[in-house]
PDB file of N, CA and C in Angstrom:
ATOM      1  N   UNK A   1     146.145 161.136 150.623  1.00  0.00           N
ATOM      2  CA  UNK A   1     147.514 161.496 150.897  1.00  0.00           C
ATOM      3  C   UNK A   1     148.318 161.343 149.610  1.00  0.00           C
ATOM      4  N   UNK A   2     149.168 162.288 149.308  1.00  0.00           N
ATOM      5  CA  UNK A   2     149.973 162.233 148.093  1.00  0.00           C
ATOM      6  C   UNK A   2     151.417 161.837 148.413  1.00  0.00           C
ATOM      7  N   UNK A   3     152.238 161.726 147.377  1.00  0.00           N
ATOM      8  CA  UNK A   3     153.619 161.301 147.551  1.00  0.00           C
ATOM      9  C   UNK A   3     154.351 162.214 148.526  1.00  0.00           C
ATOM     10  N   UNK A   4     154.167 163.506 148.393  1.00  0.00           N
ATOM     11  CA  UNK A   4     154.868 164.458 149.263  1.00  0.00           C
ATOM     12  C   UNK A   4     154.546 164.218 150.736  1.00  0.00           C
ATOM     13  N   UNK A   5     153.292 164.043 151.044  1.00  0.00           N
ATOM     14  CA  UNK A   5     152.916 163.828 152.449  1.00  0.00           C
ATOM     15  C   UNK A   5     153.317 162.440 152.929  1.00  0.00           C
ATOM     16  N   UNK A   6     153.292 161.440 152.032  1.00  0.00           N
ATOM     17  CA  UNK A   6     153.750 160.102 152.427  1.00  0.00           C
ATOM     18  C   UNK A   6     155.246 160.116 152.718  1.00  0.00           C
ATOM     19  N   UNK A   7     156.008 160.838 151.903  1.00  0.00           N
ATOM     20  CA  UNK A   7     157.446 160.948 152.140  1.00  0.00           C
ATOM     21  C   UNK A   7     157.718 161.602 153.487  1.00  0.00           C
ATOM     22  N   UNK A   8     157.037 162.693 153.754  1.00  0.00           N
ATOM     23  CA  UNK A   8     157.244 163.406 155.020  1.00  0.00           C
ATOM     24  C   UNK A   8     156.869 162.507 156.201  1.00  0.00           C
ATOM     25  N   UNK A   9     155.760 161.795 156.094  1.00  0.00           N
ATOM     26  CA  UNK A   9     155.327 160.887 157.152  1.00  0.00           C
ATOM     27  C   UNK A   9     156.374 159.803 157.389  1.00  0.00           C
ATOM     28  N   UNK A  10     156.846 159.192 156.312  1.00  0.00           N
ATOM     29  CA  UNK A  10     157.826 158.104 156.437  1.00  0.00           C
ATOM     30  C   UNK A  10     159.136 158.631 157.006  1.00  0.00           C
ATOM     31  N   UNK A  11     159.579 159.757 156.504  1.00  0.00           N
ATOM     32  CA  UNK A  11     160.843 160.336 156.969  1.00  0.00           C
ATOM     33  C   UNK A  11     160.795 160.608 158.463  1.00  0.00           C
ATOM     34  N   UNK A  12     159.704 161.226 158.914  1.00  0.00           N
ATOM     35  CA  UNK A  12     159.579 161.551 160.335  1.00  0.00           C
ATOM     36  C   UNK A  12     159.425 160.293 161.190  1.00  0.00           C
ATOM     37  N   UNK A  13     158.658 159.315 160.699  1.00  0.00           N
ATOM     38  CA  UNK A  13     158.447 158.100 161.493  1.00  0.00           C
ATOM     39  C   UNK A  13     159.735 157.300 161.646  1.00  0.00           C
ATOM     40  N   UNK A  14     160.656 157.474 160.716  1.00  0.00           N
ATOM     41  CA  UNK A  14     161.942 156.776 160.791  1.00  0.00           C
ATOM     42  C   UNK A  14     163.009 157.619 161.500  1.00  0.00           C
ATOM     43  N   UNK A  15     162.615 158.830 161.933  1.00  0.00           N
ATOM     44  CA  UNK A  15     163.530 159.664 162.701  1.00  0.00           C
ATOM     45  C   UNK A  15     164.550 160.433 161.883  1.00  0.00           C
ATOM     46  N   UNK A  16     164.262 160.681 160.628  1.00  0.00           N
ATOM     47  CA  UNK A  16     165.179 161.414 159.762  1.00  0.00           C
ATOM     48  C   UNK A  16     164.748 162.867 159.618  1.00  0.00           C
ATOM     49  N   UNK A  17     165.716 163.759 159.650  1.00  0.00           N
ATOM     50  CA  UNK A  17     165.465 165.140 159.236  1.00  0.00           C
ATOM     51  C   UNK A  17     165.633 165.183 157.725  1.00  0.00           C
ATOM     52  N   UNK A  18     165.228 166.289 157.125  1.00  0.00           N
ATOM     53  CA  UNK A  18     165.457 166.431 155.686  1.00  0.00           C
ATOM     54  C   UNK A  18     166.949 166.372 155.383  1.00  0.00           C
ATOM     55  N   UNK A  19     167.755 167.028 156.229  1.00  0.00           N
ATOM     56  CA  UNK A  19     169.209 167.014 156.036  1.00  0.00           C
ATOM     57  C   UNK A  19     169.773 165.598 156.100  1.00  0.00           C
ATOM     58  N   UNK A  20     169.347 164.844 157.113  1.00  0.00           N
ATOM     59  CA  UNK A  20     169.878 163.491 157.298  1.00  0.00           C
ATOM     60  C   UNK A  20     169.486 162.577 156.136  1.00  0.00           C
ATOM     61  N   UNK A  21     168.240 162.665 155.687  1.00  0.00           N
ATOM     62  CA  UNK A  21     167.800 161.838 154.564  1.00  0.00           C
ATOM     63  C   UNK A  21     168.553 162.232 153.299  1.00  0.00           C
ATOM     64  N   UNK A  22     168.665 163.527 153.069  1.00  0.00           N
ATOM     65  CA  UNK A  22     169.378 164.002 151.885  1.00  0.00           C
ATOM     66  C   UNK A  22     170.816 163.496 151.881  1.00  0.00           C
ATOM     67  N   UNK A  23     171.474 163.591 153.013  1.00  0.00           N
ATOM     68  CA  UNK A  23     172.851 163.127 153.133  1.00  0.00           C
ATOM     69  C   UNK A  23     172.945 161.624 152.881  1.00  0.00           C
ATOM     70  N   UNK A  24     171.987 160.875 153.414  1.00  0.00           N
ATOM     71  CA  UNK A  24     172.000 159.411 153.267  1.00  0.00           C
ATOM     72  C   UNK A  24     171.835 158.969 151.821  1.00  0.00           C
ATOM     73  N   UNK A  25     171.119 159.755 151.024  1.00  0.00           N
ATOM     74  CA  UNK A  25     170.910 159.341 149.628  1.00  0.00           C
ATOM     75  C   UNK A  25     171.764 160.137 148.636  1.00  0.00           C
ATOM     76  N   UNK A  26     172.564 161.075 149.159  1.00  0.00           N
ATOM     77  CA  UNK A  26     173.504 161.794 148.305  1.00  0.00           C
ATOM     78  C   UNK A  26     172.910 162.926 147.497  1.00  0.00           C
ATOM     79  N   UNK A  27     171.917 163.612 148.054  1.00  0.00           N
ATOM     80  CA  UNK A  27     171.350 164.791 147.398  1.00  0.00           C
ATOM     81  C   UNK A  27     171.350 165.946 148.390  1.00  0.00           C
ATOM     82  N   UNK A  28     170.976 167.115 147.926  1.00  0.00           N
ATOM     83  CA  UNK A  28     170.903 168.260 148.830  1.00  0.00           C
ATOM     84  C   UNK A  28     169.592 168.237 149.608  1.00  0.00           C
ATOM     85  N   UNK A  29     169.566 168.947 150.736  1.00  0.00           N
ATOM     86  CA  UNK A  29     168.334 169.055 151.514  1.00  0.00           C
ATOM     87  C   UNK A  29     167.232 169.674 150.668  1.00  0.00           C
ATOM     88  N   UNK A  30     167.611 170.571 149.759  1.00  0.00           N
ATOM     89  CA  UNK A  30     166.645 171.212 148.882  1.00  0.00           C
ATOM     90  C   UNK A  30     165.856 170.234 148.029  1.00  0.00           C
ATOM     91  N   UNK A  31     166.506 169.154 147.622  1.00  0.00           N
ATOM     92  CA  UNK A  31     165.811 168.137 146.820  1.00  0.00           C
ATOM     93  C   UNK A  31     164.680 167.517 147.642  1.00  0.00           C
ATOM     94  N   UNK A  32     164.979 167.149 148.884  1.00  0.00           N
ATOM     95  CA  UNK A  32     163.960 166.556 149.754  1.00  0.00           C
ATOM     96  C   UNK A  32     162.863 167.573 150.041  1.00  0.00           C
ATOM     97  N   UNK A  33     163.268 168.794 150.351  1.00  0.00           N
ATOM     98  CA  UNK A  33     162.302 169.855 150.642  1.00  0.00           C
ATOM     99  C   UNK A  33     161.388 170.100 149.445  1.00  0.00           C
ATOM    100  N   UNK A  34     161.969 170.172 148.268  1.00  0.00           N
ATOM    101  CA  UNK A  34     161.169 170.422 147.059  1.00  0.00           C
ATOM    102  C   UNK A  34     160.171 169.303 146.790  1.00  0.00           C
ATOM    103  N   UNK A  35     160.560 168.071 147.104  1.00  0.00           N
ATOM    104  CA  UNK A  35     159.631 166.942 146.931  1.00  0.00           C
ATOM    105  C   UNK A  35     158.499 167.064 147.946  1.00  0.00           C
ATOM    106  N   UNK A  36     158.855 167.319 149.207  1.00  0.00           N
ATOM    107  CA  UNK A  36     157.848 167.381 150.269  1.00  0.00           C
ATOM    108  C   UNK A  36     156.899 168.566 150.104  1.00  0.00           C
ATOM    109  N   UNK A  37     157.382 169.640 149.479  1.00  0.00           N
ATOM    110  CA  UNK A  37     156.513 170.801 149.253  1.00  0.00           C
ATOM    111  C   UNK A  37     155.944 170.829 147.845  1.00  0.00           C
ATOM    112  N   UNK A  38     156.056 169.693 147.158  1.00  0.00           N
ATOM    113  CA  UNK A  38     155.468 169.493 145.829  1.00  0.00           C
ATOM    114  C   UNK A  38     155.953 170.490 144.789  1.00  0.00           C
ATOM    115  N   UNK A  39     157.193 170.917 144.928  1.00  0.00           N
ATOM    116  CA  UNK A  39     157.772 171.834 143.945  1.00  0.00           C
ATOM    117  C   UNK A  39     158.370 171.073 142.774  1.00  0.00           C
ATOM    118  N   UNK A  40     158.769 169.818 143.024  1.00  0.00           N
ATOM    119  CA  UNK A  40     159.315 168.975 141.959  1.00  0.00           C
ATOM    120  C   UNK A  40     158.847 167.540 142.146  1.00  0.00           C
ATOM    121  N   UNK A  41     158.813 166.817 141.053  1.00  0.00           N
ATOM    122  CA  UNK A  41     158.543 165.385 141.083  1.00  0.00           C
ATOM    123  C   UNK A  41     159.886 164.679 141.213  1.00  0.00           C
ATOM    124  N   UNK A  42     160.001 163.736 142.121  1.00  0.00           N
ATOM    125  CA  UNK A  42     161.288 163.053 142.283  1.00  0.00           C
ATOM    126  C   UNK A  42     161.583 162.113 141.122  1.00  0.00           C
ATOM    127  N   UNK A  43     162.858 162.014 140.784  1.00  0.00           N
ATOM    128  CA  UNK A  43     163.291 161.064 139.771  1.00  0.00           C
ATOM    129  C   UNK A  43     163.190 159.652 140.348  1.00  0.00           C
ATOM    130  N   UNK A  44     163.043 158.683 139.478  1.00  0.00           N
ATOM    131  CA  UNK A  44     162.904 157.287 139.901  1.00  0.00           C
ATOM    132  C   UNK A  44     164.095 156.845 140.752  1.00  0.00           C
ATOM    133  N   UNK A  45     165.282 157.280 140.390  1.00  0.00           N
ATOM    134  CA  UNK A  45     166.484 156.920 141.142  1.00  0.00           C
ATOM    135  C   UNK A  45     166.428 157.464 142.572  1.00  0.00           C
ATOM    136  N   UNK A  46     165.919 158.670 142.722  1.00  0.00           N
ATOM    137  CA  UNK A  46     165.791 159.286 144.047  1.00  0.00           C
ATOM    138  C   UNK A  46     164.740 158.535 144.866  1.00  0.00           C
ATOM    139  N   UNK A  47     163.639 158.174 144.232  1.00  0.00           N
ATOM    140  CA  UNK A  47     162.588 157.421 144.928  1.00  0.00           C
ATOM    141  C   UNK A  47     163.142 156.101 145.447  1.00  0.00           C
ATOM    142  N   UNK A  48     163.882 155.384 144.601  1.00  0.00           N
ATOM    143  CA  UNK A  48     164.458 154.101 145.027  1.00  0.00           C
ATOM    144  C   UNK A  48     165.430 154.290 146.187  1.00  0.00           C
ATOM    145  N   UNK A  49     166.243 155.333 146.113  1.00  0.00           N
ATOM    146  CA  UNK A  49     167.210 155.589 147.180  1.00  0.00           C
ATOM    147  C   UNK A  49     166.499 155.917 148.492  1.00  0.00           C
ATOM    148  N   UNK A  50     165.457 156.734 148.414  1.00  0.00           N
ATOM    149  CA  UNK A  50     164.671 157.071 149.611  1.00  0.00           C
ATOM    150  C   UNK A  50     164.088 155.801 150.227  1.00  0.00           C
ATOM    151  N   UNK A  51     163.503 154.971 149.388  1.00  0.00           N
ATOM    152  CA  UNK A  51     162.882 153.731 149.882  1.00  0.00           C
ATOM    153  C   UNK A  51     163.911 152.797 150.504  1.00  0.00           C
ATOM    154  N   UNK A  52     165.088 152.719 149.902  1.00  0.00           N
ATOM    155  CA  UNK A  52     166.146 151.873 150.458  1.00  0.00           C
ATOM    156  C   UNK A  52     166.584 152.371 151.829  1.00  0.00           C
ATOM    157  N   UNK A  53     166.807 153.660 151.946  1.00  0.00           N
ATOM    158  CA  UNK A  53     167.274 154.232 153.212  1.00  0.00           C
ATOM    159  C   UNK A  53     166.201 154.134 154.291  1.00  0.00           C
ATOM    160  N   UNK A  54     164.965 154.487 153.947  1.00  0.00           N
ATOM    161  CA  UNK A  54     163.896 154.478 154.944  1.00  0.00           C
ATOM    162  C   UNK A  54     163.286 153.097 155.147  1.00  0.00           C
ATOM    163  N   UNK A  55     163.681 152.141 154.302  1.00  0.00           N
ATOM    164  CA  UNK A  55     163.123 150.785 154.356  1.00  0.00           C
ATOM    165  C   UNK A  55     161.595 150.821 154.245  1.00  0.00           C
ATOM    166  N   UNK A  56     161.132 151.522 153.194  1.00  0.00           N
ATOM    167  CA  UNK A  56     159.697 151.605 152.922  1.00  0.00           C
ATOM    168  C   UNK A  56     159.422 151.064 151.530  1.00  0.00           C
ATOM    169  N   UNK A  57     158.173 150.698 151.299  1.00  0.00           N
ATOM    170  CA  UNK A  57     157.758 150.120 150.035  1.00  0.00           C
ATOM    171  C   UNK A  57     157.615 151.202 148.967  1.00  0.00           C
ATOM    172  N   UNK A  58     158.266 150.996 147.850  1.00  0.00           N
ATOM    173  CA  UNK A  58     158.230 151.976 146.759  1.00  0.00           C
ATOM    174  C   UNK A  58     156.817 152.177 146.214  1.00  0.00           C
ATOM    175  N   UNK A  59     156.055 151.097 146.112  1.00  0.00           N
ATOM    176  CA  UNK A  59     154.680 151.203 145.633  1.00  0.00           C
ATOM    177  C   UNK A  59     153.844 152.070 146.580  1.00  0.00           C
ATOM    178  N   UNK A  60     154.037 151.881 147.887  1.00  0.00           N
ATOM    179  CA  UNK A  60     153.308 152.697 148.861  1.00  0.00           C
ATOM    180  C   UNK A  60     153.681 154.161 148.698  1.00  0.00           C
ATOM    181  N   UNK A  61     154.973 154.453 148.580  1.00  0.00           N
ATOM    182  CA  UNK A  61     155.408 155.849 148.474  1.00  0.00           C
ATOM    183  C   UNK A  61     154.837 156.509 147.224  1.00  0.00           C
ATOM    184  N   UNK A  62     154.873 155.815 146.110  1.00  0.00           N
ATOM    185  CA  UNK A  62     154.449 156.449 144.862  1.00  0.00           C
ATOM    186  C   UNK A  62     152.943 156.453 144.636  1.00  0.00           C
ATOM    187  N   UNK A  63     152.244 155.418 145.140  1.00  0.00           N
ATOM    188  CA  UNK A  63     150.813 155.325 144.843  1.00  0.00           C
ATOM    189  C   UNK A  63     149.908 155.354 146.076  1.00  0.00           C
ATOM    190  N   UNK A  64     150.500 155.089 147.236  1.00  0.00           N
ATOM    191  CA  UNK A  64     149.694 155.004 148.451  1.00  0.00           C
ATOM    192  C   UNK A  64     149.081 153.638 148.666  1.00  0.00           C
ATOM    193  N   UNK A  65     149.356 152.707 147.766  1.00  0.00           N
ATOM    194  CA  UNK A  65     148.793 151.361 147.886  1.00  0.00           C
ATOM    195  C   UNK A  65     149.714 150.466 148.699  1.00  0.00           C
ATOM    196  N   UNK A  66     149.107 149.562 149.452  1.00  0.00           N
ATOM    197  CA  UNK A  66     149.887 148.634 150.254  1.00  0.00           C
ATOM    198  C   UNK A  66     150.297 149.242 151.581  1.00  0.00           C
ATOM    199  N   UNK A  67     151.334 148.663 152.159  1.00  0.00           N
ATOM    200  CA  UNK A  67     151.826 149.092 153.469  1.00  0.00           C
ATOM    201  C   UNK A  67     153.102 149.909 153.309  1.00  0.00           C
ATOM    202  N   UNK A  68     153.317 150.833 154.238  1.00  0.00           N
ATOM    203  CA  UNK A  68     154.525 151.645 154.203  1.00  0.00           C
ATOM    204  C   UNK A  68     155.758 150.789 154.451  1.00  0.00           C
ATOM    205  N   UNK A  69     155.692 149.969 155.478  1.00  0.00           N
ATOM    206  CA  UNK A  69     156.863 149.192 155.901  1.00  0.00           C
ATOM    207  C   UNK A  69     157.127 148.024 154.962  1.00  0.00           C
ATOM    208  N   UNK A  70     158.402 147.804 154.726  1.00  0.00           N
ATOM    209  CA  UNK A  70     158.814 146.596 154.019  1.00  0.00           C
ATOM    210  C   UNK A  70     158.974 145.520 155.071  1.00  0.00           C
ATOM    211  N   UNK A  71     158.411 144.367 154.810  1.00  0.00           N
ATOM    212  CA  UNK A  71     158.563 143.252 155.731  1.00  0.00           C
ATOM    213  C   UNK A  71     159.890 142.572 155.407  1.00  0.00           C
ATOM    214  N   UNK A  72     160.903 142.736 156.275  1.00  0.00           N
ATOM    215  CA  UNK A  72     162.212 142.149 155.960  1.00  0.00           C
ATOM    216  C   UNK A  72     162.152 140.633 155.834  1.00  0.00           C
ATOM    217  N   UNK A  73     161.257 139.975 156.576  1.00  0.00           N
ATOM    218  CA  UNK A  73     161.130 138.524 156.456  1.00  0.00           C
ATOM    219  C   UNK A  73     160.585 138.142 155.091  1.00  0.00           C
ATOM    220  N   UNK A  74     159.661 138.953 154.583  1.00  0.00           N
ATOM    221  CA  UNK A  74     159.088 138.684 153.269  1.00  0.00           C
ATOM    222  C   UNK A  74     160.148 138.838 152.183  1.00  0.00           C
ATOM    223  N   UNK A  75     160.951 139.880 152.308  1.00  0.00           N
ATOM    224  CA  UNK A  75     162.005 140.114 151.331  1.00  0.00           C
ATOM    225  C   UNK A  75     163.024 138.975 151.362  1.00  0.00           C
ATOM    226  N   UNK A  76     163.398 138.531 152.554  1.00  0.00           N
ATOM    227  CA  UNK A  76     164.343 137.425 152.704  1.00  0.00           C
ATOM    228  C   UNK A  76     163.744 136.149 152.127  1.00  0.00           C
ATOM    229  N   UNK A  77     162.459 135.908 152.392  1.00  0.00           N
ATOM    230  CA  UNK A  77     161.789 134.725 151.865  1.00  0.00           C
ATOM    231  C   UNK A  77     161.747 134.746 150.344  1.00  0.00           C
ATOM    232  N   UNK A  78     161.507 135.910 149.777  1.00  0.00           N
ATOM    233  CA  UNK A  78     161.459 136.022 148.320  1.00  0.00           C
ATOM    234  C   UNK A  78     162.816 135.694 147.703  1.00  0.00           C
ATOM    235  N   UNK A  79     163.894 136.184 148.332  1.00  0.00           N
ATOM    236  CA  UNK A  79     165.235 135.875 147.827  1.00  0.00           C
ATOM    237  C   UNK A  79     165.519 134.377 147.935  1.00  0.00           C
ATOM    238  N   UNK A  80     165.128 133.786 149.073  1.00  0.00           N
ATOM    239  CA  UNK A  80     165.343 132.355 149.286  1.00  0.00           C
ATOM    240  C   UNK A  80     164.559 131.527 148.267  1.00  0.00           C
ATOM    241  N   UNK A  81     163.298 131.890 148.056  1.00  0.00           N
ATOM    242  CA  UNK A  81     162.483 131.153 147.080  1.00  0.00           C
ATOM    243  C   UNK A  81     163.058 131.266 145.677  1.00  0.00           C
ATOM    244  N   UNK A  82     163.565 132.427 145.350  1.00  0.00           N
ATOM    245  CA  UNK A  82     164.179 132.622 144.042  1.00  0.00           C
ATOM    246  C   UNK A  82     165.407 131.733 143.885  1.00  0.00           C
ATOM    247  N   UNK A  83     166.220 131.665 144.938  1.00  0.00           N
ATOM    248  CA  UNK A  83     167.411 130.815 144.900  1.00  0.00           C
ATOM    249  C   UNK A  83     167.030 129.343 144.779  1.00  0.00           C
ATOM    250  N   UNK A  84     166.024 128.935 145.539  1.00  0.00           N
ATOM    251  CA  UNK A  84     165.559 127.544 145.472  1.00  0.00           C
ATOM    252  C   UNK A  84     165.040 127.225 144.072  1.00  0.00           C
ATOM    253  N   UNK A  85     164.228 128.126 143.529  1.00  0.00           N
ATOM    254  CA  UNK A  85     163.674 127.915 142.193  1.00  0.00           C
ATOM    255  C   UNK A  85     164.783 127.791 141.149  1.00  0.00           C
ATOM    256  N   UNK A  86     165.751 128.716 141.211  1.00  0.00           N
ATOM    257  CA  UNK A  86     166.837 128.694 140.226  1.00  0.00           C
ATOM    258  C   UNK A  86     167.669 127.423 140.325  1.00  0.00           C
ATOM    259  N   UNK A  87     167.839 126.913 141.538  1.00  0.00           N
ATOM    260  CA  UNK A  87     168.577 125.662 141.725  1.00  0.00           C
ATOM    261  C   UNK A  87     167.744 124.465 141.270  1.00  0.00           C
ATOM    262  N   UNK A  88     166.470 124.457 141.635  1.00  0.00           N
ATOM    263  CA  UNK A  88     165.605 123.308 141.343  1.00  0.00           C
ATOM    264  C   UNK A  88     165.319 123.149 139.857  1.00  0.00           C
ATOM    265  N   UNK A  89     165.289 124.225 139.115  1.00  0.00           N
ATOM    266  CA  UNK A  89     164.953 124.093 137.692  1.00  0.00           C
ATOM    267  C   UNK A  89     166.039 123.346 136.917  1.00  0.00           C
ATOM    268  N   UNK A  90     167.214 123.216 137.517  1.00  0.00           N
ATOM    269  CA  UNK A  90     168.298 122.463 136.890  1.00  0.00           C
ATOM    270  C   UNK A  90     168.188 120.963 137.167  1.00  0.00           C
ATOM    271  N   UNK A  91     167.316 120.593 138.105  1.00  0.00           N
ATOM    272  CA  UNK A  91     167.170 119.193 138.502  1.00  0.00           C
ATOM    273  C   UNK A  91     166.071 118.505 137.696  1.00  0.00           C
ATOM    274  N   UNK A  92     166.173 117.192 137.637  1.00  0.00           N
ATOM    275  CA  UNK A  92     165.103 116.426 137.001  1.00  0.00           C
ATOM    276  C   UNK A  92     163.882 116.445 137.918  1.00  0.00           C
ATOM    277  N   UNK A  93     162.743 116.050 137.379  1.00  0.00           N
ATOM    278  CA  UNK A  93     161.521 115.992 138.185  1.00  0.00           C
ATOM    279  C   UNK A  93     161.683 115.022 139.348  1.00  0.00           C
ATOM    280  N   UNK A  94     162.353 113.928 139.096  1.00  0.00           N
ATOM    281  CA  UNK A  94     162.584 112.929 140.142  1.00  0.00           C
ATOM    282  C   UNK A  94     163.455 113.522 141.260  1.00  0.00           C
ATOM    283  N   UNK A  95     164.490 114.254 140.881  1.00  0.00           N
ATOM    284  CA  UNK A  95     165.361 114.879 141.878  1.00  0.00           C
ATOM    285  C   UNK A  95     164.611 115.952 142.673  1.00  0.00           C
ATOM    286  N   UNK A  96     163.762 116.706 141.996  1.00  0.00           N
ATOM    287  CA  UNK A  96     162.955 117.717 142.684  1.00  0.00           C
ATOM    288  C   UNK A  96     162.033 117.064 143.715  1.00  0.00           C
ATOM    289  N   UNK A  97     161.398 115.955 143.329  1.00  0.00           N
ATOM    290  CA  UNK A  97     160.516 115.221 144.258  1.00  0.00           C
ATOM    291  C   UNK A  97     161.306 114.719 145.463  1.00  0.00           C
ATOM    292  N   UNK A  98     162.512 114.237 145.220  1.00  0.00           N
ATOM    293  CA  UNK A  98     163.354 113.736 146.302  1.00  0.00           C
ATOM    294  C   UNK A  98     163.682 114.864 147.284  1.00  0.00           C
ATOM    295  N   UNK A  99     164.062 116.019 146.773  1.00  0.00           N
ATOM    296  CA  UNK A  99     164.383 117.175 147.634  1.00  0.00           C
ATOM    297  C   UNK A  99     163.152 117.590 148.426  1.00  0.00           C
ATOM    298  N   UNK A 100     162.006 117.628 147.778  1.00  0.00           N
ATOM    299  CA  UNK A 100     160.768 117.997 148.467  1.00  0.00           C
ATOM    300  C   UNK A 100     160.443 117.009 149.587  1.00  0.00           C
ATOM    301  N   UNK A 101     160.643 115.734 149.334  1.00  0.00           N
ATOM    302  CA  UNK A 101     160.447 114.721 150.380  1.00  0.00           C
ATOM    303  C   UNK A 101     161.395 114.940 151.549  1.00  0.00           C
ATOM    304  N   UNK A 102     162.636 115.306 151.257  1.00  0.00           N
ATOM    305  CA  UNK A 102     163.613 115.574 152.311  1.00  0.00           C
ATOM    306  C   UNK A 102     163.160 116.756 153.175  1.00  0.00           C
ATOM    307  N   UNK A 103     162.646 117.795 152.529  1.00  0.00           N
ATOM    308  CA  UNK A 103     162.169 118.966 153.269  1.00  0.00           C
ATOM    309  C   UNK A 103     160.994 118.581 154.161  1.00  0.00           C
ATOM    310  N   UNK A 104     160.068 117.811 153.620  1.00  0.00           N
ATOM    311  CA  UNK A 104     158.912 117.375 154.423  1.00  0.00           C
ATOM    312  C   UNK A 104     159.346 116.511 155.607  1.00  0.00           C
ATOM    313  N   UNK A 105     160.310 115.643 155.380  1.00  0.00           N
ATOM    314  CA  UNK A 105     160.828 114.803 156.461  1.00  0.00           C
ATOM    315  C   UNK A 105     161.475 115.676 157.533  1.00  0.00           C
ATOM    316  N   UNK A 106     162.235 116.652 157.123  1.00  0.00           N
ATOM    317  CA  UNK A 106     162.873 117.569 158.074  1.00  0.00           C
ATOM    318  C   UNK A 106     161.818 118.328 158.882  1.00  0.00           C
ATOM    319  N   UNK A 107     160.781 118.823 158.200  1.00  0.00           N
ATOM    320  CA  UNK A 107     159.703 119.542 158.901  1.00  0.00           C
ATOM    321  C   UNK A 107     159.040 118.630 159.939  1.00  0.00           C
ATOM    322  N   UNK A 108     158.747 117.418 159.553  1.00  0.00           N
ATOM    323  CA  UNK A 108     158.098 116.457 160.460  1.00  0.00           C
ATOM    324  C   UNK A 108     158.993 116.196 161.668  1.00  0.00           C
ATOM    325  N   UNK A 109     160.278 116.016 161.426  1.00  0.00           N
ATOM    326  CA  UNK A 109     161.235 115.785 162.508  1.00  0.00           C
ATOM    327  C   UNK A 109     161.268 116.984 163.466  1.00  0.00           C
ATOM    328  N   UNK A 110     161.282 118.176 162.909  1.00  0.00           N
ATOM    329  CA  UNK A 110     161.283 119.395 163.726  1.00  0.00           C
ATOM    330  C   UNK A 110     160.022 119.497 164.573  1.00  0.00           C
ATOM    331  N   UNK A 111     158.880 119.162 163.985  1.00  0.00           N
ATOM    332  CA  UNK A 111     157.611 119.176 164.729  1.00  0.00           C
ATOM    333  C   UNK A 111     157.636 118.164 165.869  1.00  0.00           C
ATOM    334  N   UNK A 112     158.208 116.995 165.612  1.00  0.00           N
ATOM    335  CA  UNK A 112     158.300 115.961 166.653  1.00  0.00           C
ATOM    336  C   UNK A 112     159.175 116.427 167.816  1.00  0.00           C
ATOM    337  N   UNK A 113     160.260 117.095 167.500  1.00  0.00           N
ATOM    338  CA  UNK A 113     161.136 117.623 168.547  1.00  0.00           C
ATOM    339  C   UNK A 113     160.401 118.682 169.363  1.00  0.00           C
ATOM    340  N   UNK A 114     159.687 119.571 168.671  1.00  0.00           N
ATOM    341  CA  UNK A 114     158.930 120.624 169.370  1.00  0.00           C
ATOM    342  C   UNK A 114     157.859 120.013 170.274  1.00  0.00           C
ATOM    343  N   UNK A 115     157.169 118.987 169.773  1.00  0.00           N
ATOM    344  CA  UNK A 115     156.140 118.311 170.573  1.00  0.00           C
ATOM    345  C   UNK A 115     156.755 117.658 171.810  1.00  0.00           C
ATOM    346  N   UNK A 116     157.925 117.042 171.639  1.00  0.00           N
ATOM    347  CA  UNK A 116     158.593 116.362 172.756  1.00  0.00           C
ATOM    348  C   UNK A 116     159.006 117.374 173.833  1.00  0.00           C
ATOM    349  N   UNK A 117     159.409 118.559 173.415  1.00  0.00           N
ATOM    350  CA  UNK A 117     159.819 119.590 174.375  1.00  0.00           C
ATOM    351  C   UNK A 117     158.632 120.126 175.169  1.00  0.00           C
ATOM    352  N   UNK A 118     157.456 120.129 174.556  1.00  0.00           N
ATOM    353  CA  UNK A 118     156.246 120.621 175.225  1.00  0.00           C
ATOM    354  C   UNK A 118     155.753 119.652 176.294  1.00  0.00           C
ATOM    355  N   UNK A 119     156.046 118.378 176.142  1.00  0.00           N
ATOM    356  CA  UNK A 119     155.519 117.373 177.081  1.00  0.00           C
ATOM    357  C   UNK A 119     156.552 117.014 178.055  1.00  0.00           C
TER     358      UNK A 119
END
């Protein structure tokens, strides 16, 4: 499967017509049609816009590798981990260990509550 057929598959699976997708990303229907019929190669900016609107993985669209769908939980987790990392790198090693201990204590407490609810 090539980019053109992956785009068409993703567009249809998300319920978009060529007109609707074109409107959502600010291009003409002809741009989408030309990509799907392999008349033109899409610009990187257009590819990113398509992926944002359809919530699909850019790597999948361009190469066919990976999964079509973006896992929103994975994306949220990546942002959270980045924020944690950026905050933690400002702390001393001792402070980082203390925060990690707090997280582990919280997890243990949560598990105990869940266990108590089950019994």
